[in-house]
């Protein structure tokens, strides 16, 4: 090494001299670009308030989704009544789908066989909200927020809600052992 090299430091350690190697130009430019980007970003979003925050973007997307869902519900609604739910309770494919939905969404509160945990026992002859299959469907669809039951109609397609209601209607009167104490009004078993 040349002793007159201006990038060579004068100190040494064990006979080794340190050479001042500057950072490569691409790294220096990237670093400067990050500083410029941060300044522009801060000014645009936090000083001028021109850009949307993640929460504002979510709120816009959520309201668009709700509007789209509301519009779809007007045209894609399946007319549900007591006779349809009674027939669906005998449809093995629909009951199989209902079991999948129940396993994914309902077992946390009603257990795997409907005997009740946090939620009510679905296997006895008592029903808290109404007396019919359509009341079961409406409870699943609209939920009971003050009891902690979510409105699954806002989260699931209507066919899945129908499948879950059809399945739950088959639970009535099975009286699974270890079930939660009866709640609601005594009703007759579904035919």
C-alpha atoms as a PDB file:
ATOM      1  CA  UNK A   1       0.000   0.000   0.000  1.00  0.00           C
ATOM      2  CA  UNK A   2       1.074   3.492  -0.730  1.00  0.00           C
ATOM      3  CA  UNK A   3       1.954   5.379   2.462  1.00  0.00           C
ATOM      4  CA  UNK A   4       0.849   8.640   0.826  1.00  0.00           C
ATOM      5  CA  UNK A   5      -2.666   7.297   0.055  1.00  0.00           C
ATOM      6  CA  UNK A   6      -5.134   9.901   1.448  1.00  0.00           C
ATOM      7  CA  UNK A   7      -7.645   7.120   2.315  1.00  0.00           C
ATOM      8  CA  UNK A   8      -5.139   5.310   4.503  1.00  0.00           C
ATOM      9  CA  UNK A   9      -5.498   6.014   8.212  1.00  0.00           C
ATOM     10  CA  UNK A  10      -2.309   6.754  10.130  1.00  0.00           C
ATOM     11  CA  UNK A  11      -2.947   4.389  13.006  1.00  0.00           C
ATOM     12  CA  UNK A  12      -2.246   0.709  12.784  1.00  0.00           C
ATOM     13  CA  UNK A  13      -2.850  -2.346  14.864  1.00  0.00           C
ATOM     14  CA  UNK A  14      -0.357  -5.190  14.838  1.00  0.00           C
ATOM     15  CA  UNK A  15       1.149  -3.727  11.705  1.00  0.00           C
ATOM     16  CA  UNK A  16      -2.152  -3.592   9.857  1.00  0.00           C
ATOM     17  CA  UNK A  17      -3.284  -0.198   8.631  1.00  0.00           C
ATOM     18  CA  UNK A  18      -6.952   0.645   8.122  1.00  0.00           C
ATOM     19  CA  UNK A  19      -8.096   1.861   4.724  1.00  0.00           C
ATOM     20  CA  UNK A  20     -11.135   4.170   4.505  1.00  0.00           C
ATOM     21  CA  UNK A  21     -13.339   2.496   1.931  1.00  0.00           C
ATOM     22  CA  UNK A  22     -16.290   4.710   1.066  1.00  0.00           C
ATOM     23  CA  UNK A  23     -19.719   3.117   0.687  1.00  0.00           C
ATOM     24  CA  UNK A  24     -20.567   2.141  -2.882  1.00  0.00           C
ATOM     25  CA  UNK A  25     -22.539   4.805  -4.783  1.00  0.00           C
ATOM     26  CA  UNK A  26     -25.648   2.605  -5.128  1.00  0.00           C
ATOM     27  CA  UNK A  27     -25.861   2.234  -1.343  1.00  0.00           C
ATOM     28  CA  UNK A  28     -25.410   5.962  -0.772  1.00  0.00           C
ATOM     29  CA  UNK A  29     -28.112   6.754  -3.338  1.00  0.00           C
ATOM     30  CA  UNK A  30     -30.495   4.193  -1.794  1.00  0.00           C
ATOM     31  CA  UNK A  31     -29.950   5.675   1.653  1.00  0.00           C
ATOM     32  CA  UNK A  32     -30.552   9.214   0.367  1.00  0.00           C
ATOM     33  CA  UNK A  33     -33.647   7.993  -1.538  1.00  0.00           C
ATOM     34  CA  UNK A  34     -35.058   6.476   1.663  1.00  0.00           C
ATOM     35  CA  UNK A  35     -34.627   9.793   3.470  1.00  0.00           C
ATOM     36  CA  UNK A  36     -36.339  11.683   0.635  1.00  0.00           C
ATOM     37  CA  UNK A  37     -39.159   9.098   0.497  1.00  0.00           C
ATOM     38  CA  UNK A  38     -39.683   9.317   4.273  1.00  0.00           C
ATOM     39  CA  UNK A  39     -39.876  13.129   4.086  1.00  0.00           C
ATOM     40  CA  UNK A  40     -42.394  13.033   1.224  1.00  0.00           C
ATOM     41  CA  UNK A  41     -44.438  10.277   2.920  1.00  0.00           C
ATOM     42  CA  UNK A  42     -44.540  12.157   6.224  1.00  0.00           C
ATOM     43  CA  UNK A  43     -45.546  15.397   4.516  1.00  0.00           C
ATOM     44  CA  UNK A  44     -48.195  13.752   2.308  1.00  0.00           C
ATOM     45  CA  UNK A  45     -49.896  11.608   4.975  1.00  0.00           C
ATOM     46  CA  UNK A  46     -49.239  13.378   8.284  1.00  0.00           C
ATOM     47  CA  UNK A  47     -48.870  17.077   7.449  1.00  0.00           C
ATOM     48  CA  UNK A  48     -51.096  17.588   4.383  1.00  0.00           C
ATOM     49  CA  UNK A  49     -53.483  14.686   5.221  1.00  0.00           C
ATOM     50  CA  UNK A  50     -53.844  13.931   1.498  1.00  0.00           C
ATOM     51  CA  UNK A  51     -53.564  10.137   1.589  1.00  0.00           C
ATOM     52  CA  UNK A  52     -55.889   7.646   3.258  1.00  0.00           C
ATOM     53  CA  UNK A  53     -54.735   5.872   6.404  1.00  0.00           C
ATOM     54  CA  UNK A  54     -55.059   2.079   6.582  1.00  0.00           C
ATOM     55  CA  UNK A  55     -58.152   2.497   8.801  1.00  0.00           C
ATOM     56  CA  UNK A  56     -59.736   4.928   6.325  1.00  0.00           C
ATOM     57  CA  UNK A  57     -58.980   2.544   3.443  1.00  0.00           C
ATOM     58  CA  UNK A  58     -60.542  -0.309   5.414  1.00  0.00           C
ATOM     59  CA  UNK A  59     -63.636   1.755   6.245  1.00  0.00           C
ATOM     60  CA  UNK A  60     -64.176   2.570   2.561  1.00  0.00           C
ATOM     61  CA  UNK A  61     -63.652  -1.058   1.535  1.00  0.00           C
ATOM     62  CA  UNK A  62     -65.975  -2.273   4.311  1.00  0.00           C
ATOM     63  CA  UNK A  63     -68.790   0.096   3.335  1.00  0.00           C
ATOM     64  CA  UNK A  64     -68.366  -0.952  -0.318  1.00  0.00           C
ATOM     65  CA  UNK A  65     -68.548  -4.602   0.751  1.00  0.00           C
ATOM     66  CA  UNK A  66     -71.663  -4.008   2.870  1.00  0.00           C
ATOM     67  CA  UNK A  67     -73.379  -2.197  -0.021  1.00  0.00           C
ATOM     68  CA  UNK A  68     -72.444  -4.989  -2.439  1.00  0.00           C
ATOM     69  CA  UNK A  69     -73.619  -7.646   0.018  1.00  0.00           C
ATOM     70  CA  UNK A  70     -76.910  -5.832   0.617  1.00  0.00           C
ATOM     71  CA  UNK A  71     -77.489  -5.636  -3.137  1.00  0.00           C
ATOM     72  CA  UNK A  72     -76.624  -9.310  -3.579  1.00  0.00           C
ATOM     73  CA  UNK A  73     -78.972 -10.296  -0.769  1.00  0.00           C
ATOM     74  CA  UNK A  74     -81.851  -8.673  -2.671  1.00  0.00           C
ATOM     75  CA  UNK A  75     -81.337 -10.927  -5.682  1.00  0.00           C
ATOM     76  CA  UNK A  76     -79.719 -14.058  -4.220  1.00  0.00           C
ATOM     77  CA  UNK A  77     -82.099 -14.683  -1.333  1.00  0.00           C
ATOM     78  CA  UNK A  78     -83.562 -18.161  -1.004  1.00  0.00           C
ATOM     79  CA  UNK A  79     -87.126 -18.180   0.275  1.00  0.00           C
ATOM     80  CA  UNK A  80     -87.062 -20.204   3.473  1.00  0.00           C
ATOM     81  CA  UNK A  81     -90.086 -21.548   5.293  1.00  0.00           C
ATOM     82  CA  UNK A  82     -90.971 -24.343   7.688  1.00  0.00           C
ATOM     83  CA  UNK A  83     -91.687 -26.942   4.986  1.00  0.00           C
ATOM     84  CA  UNK A  84     -88.404 -26.243   3.164  1.00  0.00           C
ATOM     85  CA  UNK A  85     -86.438 -26.625   6.396  1.00  0.00           C
ATOM     86  CA  UNK A  86     -88.324 -29.845   7.222  1.00  0.00           C
ATOM     87  CA  UNK A  87     -87.435 -31.256   3.797  1.00  0.00           C
ATOM     88  CA  UNK A  88     -83.833 -30.056   4.146  1.00  0.00           C
ATOM     89  CA  UNK A  89     -83.540 -31.917   7.458  1.00  0.00           C
ATOM     90  CA  UNK A  90     -83.972 -35.156   5.454  1.00  0.00           C
ATOM     91  CA  UNK A  91     -81.459 -34.217   2.718  1.00  0.00           C
ATOM     92  CA  UNK A  92     -78.260 -36.138   3.514  1.00  0.00           C
ATOM     93  CA  UNK A  93     -76.015 -33.862   1.387  1.00  0.00           C
ATOM     94  CA  UNK A  94     -77.364 -30.734   3.051  1.00  0.00           C
ATOM     95  CA  UNK A  95     -77.021 -32.287   6.501  1.00  0.00           C
ATOM     96  CA  UNK A  96     -73.395 -33.199   5.671  1.00  0.00           C
ATOM     97  CA  UNK A  97     -72.761 -29.546   4.742  1.00  0.00           C
ATOM     98  CA  UNK A  98     -74.536 -28.509   7.946  1.00  0.00           C
ATOM     99  CA  UNK A  99     -72.167 -30.742   9.927  1.00  0.00           C
ATOM    100  CA  UNK A 100     -69.181 -29.007   8.324  1.00  0.00           C
ATOM    101  CA  UNK A 101     -70.562 -25.559   9.122  1.00  0.00           C
ATOM    102  CA  UNK A 102     -71.455 -26.650  12.660  1.00  0.00           C
ATOM    103  CA  UNK A 103     -67.960 -28.083  13.198  1.00  0.00           C
ATOM    104  CA  UNK A 104     -66.323 -24.872  11.942  1.00  0.00           C
ATOM    105  CA  UNK A 105     -68.546 -22.285  13.602  1.00  0.00           C
ATOM    106  CA  UNK A 106     -70.710 -23.726  16.375  1.00  0.00           C
ATOM    107  CA  UNK A 107     -68.815 -26.311  18.427  1.00  0.00           C
ATOM    108  CA  UNK A 108     -67.097 -23.661  20.552  1.00  0.00           C
ATOM    109  CA  UNK A 109     -70.406 -22.765  22.182  1.00  0.00           C
ATOM    110  CA  UNK A 110     -72.634 -25.813  21.592  1.00  0.00           C
ATOM    111  CA  UNK A 111     -70.016 -28.648  21.591  1.00  0.00           C
ATOM    112  CA  UNK A 112     -69.599 -31.222  18.852  1.00  0.00           C
ATOM    113  CA  UNK A 113     -72.945 -32.933  19.475  1.00  0.00           C
ATOM    114  CA  UNK A 114     -75.030 -29.886  20.448  1.00  0.00           C
ATOM    115  CA  UNK A 115     -75.293 -30.630  24.177  1.00  0.00           C
ATOM    116  CA  UNK A 116     -74.414 -27.016  25.044  1.00  0.00           C
ATOM    117  CA  UNK A 117     -71.451 -25.373  26.690  1.00  0.00           C
ATOM    118  CA  UNK A 118     -71.607 -21.591  26.619  1.00  0.00           C
ATOM    119  CA  UNK A 119     -74.569 -21.774  24.267  1.00  0.00           C
ATOM    120  CA  UNK A 120     -77.786 -23.649  25.042  1.00  0.00           C
ATOM    121  CA  UNK A 121     -78.365 -27.380  24.750  1.00  0.00           C
ATOM    122  CA  UNK A 122     -79.725 -28.038  21.256  1.00  0.00           C
ATOM    123  CA  UNK A 123     -80.625 -31.682  21.935  1.00  0.00           C
ATOM    124  CA  UNK A 124     -83.421 -31.236  24.486  1.00  0.00           C
ATOM    125  CA  UNK A 125     -87.056 -30.234  23.918  1.00  0.00           C
ATOM    126  CA  UNK A 126     -86.545 -26.586  24.874  1.00  0.00           C
ATOM    127  CA  UNK A 127     -85.972 -23.562  22.679  1.00  0.00           C
ATOM    128  CA  UNK A 128     -85.096 -20.069  23.869  1.00  0.00           C
ATOM    129  CA  UNK A 129     -86.019 -18.091  20.766  1.00  0.00           C
ATOM    130  CA  UNK A 130     -89.303 -19.271  19.276  1.00  0.00           C
ATOM    131  CA  UNK A 131     -90.632 -22.788  18.733  1.00  0.00           C
ATOM    132  CA  UNK A 132     -90.191 -23.677  15.059  1.00  0.00           C
ATOM    133  CA  UNK A 133     -87.492 -24.540  12.549  1.00  0.00           C
ATOM    134  CA  UNK A 134     -87.849 -21.097  10.995  1.00  0.00           C
ATOM    135  CA  UNK A 135     -87.148 -19.630  14.454  1.00  0.00           C
ATOM    136  CA  UNK A 136     -83.930 -21.692  14.555  1.00  0.00           C
ATOM    137  CA  UNK A 137     -83.029 -20.402  11.093  1.00  0.00           C
ATOM    138  CA  UNK A 138     -83.721 -16.781  12.114  1.00  0.00           C
ATOM    139  CA  UNK A 139     -81.660 -17.161  15.285  1.00  0.00           C
ATOM    140  CA  UNK A 140     -78.697 -18.471  13.286  1.00  0.00           C
ATOM    141  CA  UNK A 141     -79.176 -15.881  10.546  1.00  0.00           C
ATOM    142  CA  UNK A 142     -79.668 -12.803  12.759  1.00  0.00           C
ATOM    143  CA  UNK A 143     -77.873 -13.900  15.916  1.00  0.00           C
ATOM    144  CA  UNK A 144     -78.608 -12.892  19.486  1.00  0.00           C
ATOM    145  CA  UNK A 145     -75.896 -10.383  20.271  1.00  0.00           C
ATOM    146  CA  UNK A 146     -76.845  -9.854  23.925  1.00  0.00           C
ATOM    147  CA  UNK A 147     -76.323 -13.616  24.471  1.00  0.00           C
ATOM    148  CA  UNK A 148     -73.088 -13.730  22.445  1.00  0.00           C
ATOM    149  CA  UNK A 149     -74.578 -15.488  19.405  1.00  0.00           C
ATOM    150  CA  UNK A 150     -73.143 -13.884  16.254  1.00  0.00           C
ATOM    151  CA  UNK A 151     -75.305 -13.114  13.238  1.00  0.00           C
ATOM    152  CA  UNK A 152     -73.988 -15.828  10.947  1.00  0.00           C
ATOM    153  CA  UNK A 153     -76.074 -14.465   8.075  1.00  0.00           C
ATOM    154  CA  UNK A 154     -73.582 -11.610   7.848  1.00  0.00           C
ATOM    155  CA  UNK A 155     -70.641 -13.993   7.586  1.00  0.00           C
ATOM    156  CA  UNK A 156     -71.880 -17.111   5.818  1.00  0.00           C
ATOM    157  CA  UNK A 157     -73.677 -17.718   2.539  1.00  0.00           C
ATOM    158  CA  UNK A 158     -77.387 -18.326   2.992  1.00  0.00           C
ATOM    159  CA  UNK A 159     -77.089 -22.006   1.921  1.00  0.00           C
ATOM    160  CA  UNK A 160     -74.688 -22.600   4.844  1.00  0.00           C
ATOM    161  CA  UNK A 161     -77.115 -20.983   7.290  1.00  0.00           C
ATOM    162  CA  UNK A 162     -79.926 -23.166   5.904  1.00  0.00           C
ATOM    163  CA  UNK A 163     -77.699 -26.256   6.204  1.00  0.00           C
ATOM    164  CA  UNK A 164     -76.831 -25.394   9.822  1.00  0.00           C
ATOM    165  CA  UNK A 165     -80.491 -24.771  10.692  1.00  0.00           C
ATOM    166  CA  UNK A 166     -81.524 -28.065   9.083  1.00  0.00           C
ATOM    167  CA  UNK A 167     -78.851 -29.915  11.056  1.00  0.00           C
ATOM    168  CA  UNK A 168     -79.725 -28.255  14.362  1.00  0.00           C
ATOM    169  CA  UNK A 169     -83.385 -29.171  13.828  1.00  0.00           C
ATOM    170  CA  UNK A 170     -82.322 -32.844  13.716  1.00  0.00           C
ATOM    171  CA  UNK A 171     -80.733 -32.498  17.172  1.00  0.00           C
ATOM    172  CA  UNK A 172     -84.031 -31.746  18.950  1.00  0.00           C
ATOM    173  CA  UNK A 173     -85.259 -34.566  21.149  1.00  0.00           C
ATOM    174  CA  UNK A 174     -82.033 -36.586  20.997  1.00  0.00           C
ATOM    175  CA  UNK A 175     -81.239 -35.643  24.621  1.00  0.00           C
ATOM    176  CA  UNK A 176     -77.506 -36.292  24.527  1.00  0.00           C
ATOM    177  CA  UNK A 177     -76.115 -37.276  27.926  1.00  0.00           C
ATOM    178  CA  UNK A 178     -74.193 -34.589  29.779  1.00  0.00           C
ATOM    179  CA  UNK A 179     -76.278 -31.883  28.165  1.00  0.00           C
ATOM    180  CA  UNK A 180     -76.696 -28.442  29.612  1.00  0.00           C
ATOM    181  CA  UNK A 181     -79.803 -27.778  31.718  1.00  0.00           C
ATOM    182  CA  UNK A 182     -82.931 -26.854  29.747  1.00  0.00           C
ATOM    183  CA  UNK A 183     -83.412 -23.205  28.823  1.00  0.00           C
ATOM    184  CA  UNK A 184     -86.396 -21.480  27.247  1.00  0.00           C
ATOM    185  CA  UNK A 185     -89.837 -22.891  26.519  1.00  0.00           C
ATOM    186  CA  UNK A 186     -90.708 -26.548  26.171  1.00  0.00           C
ATOM    187  CA  UNK A 187     -91.612 -27.327  22.581  1.00  0.00           C
ATOM    188  CA  UNK A 188     -92.677 -30.421  20.711  1.00  0.00           C
ATOM    189  CA  UNK A 189     -90.163 -32.466  18.797  1.00  0.00           C
ATOM    190  CA  UNK A 190     -90.037 -31.802  15.073  1.00  0.00           C
ATOM    191  CA  UNK A 191     -91.923 -34.343  12.958  1.00  0.00           C
END
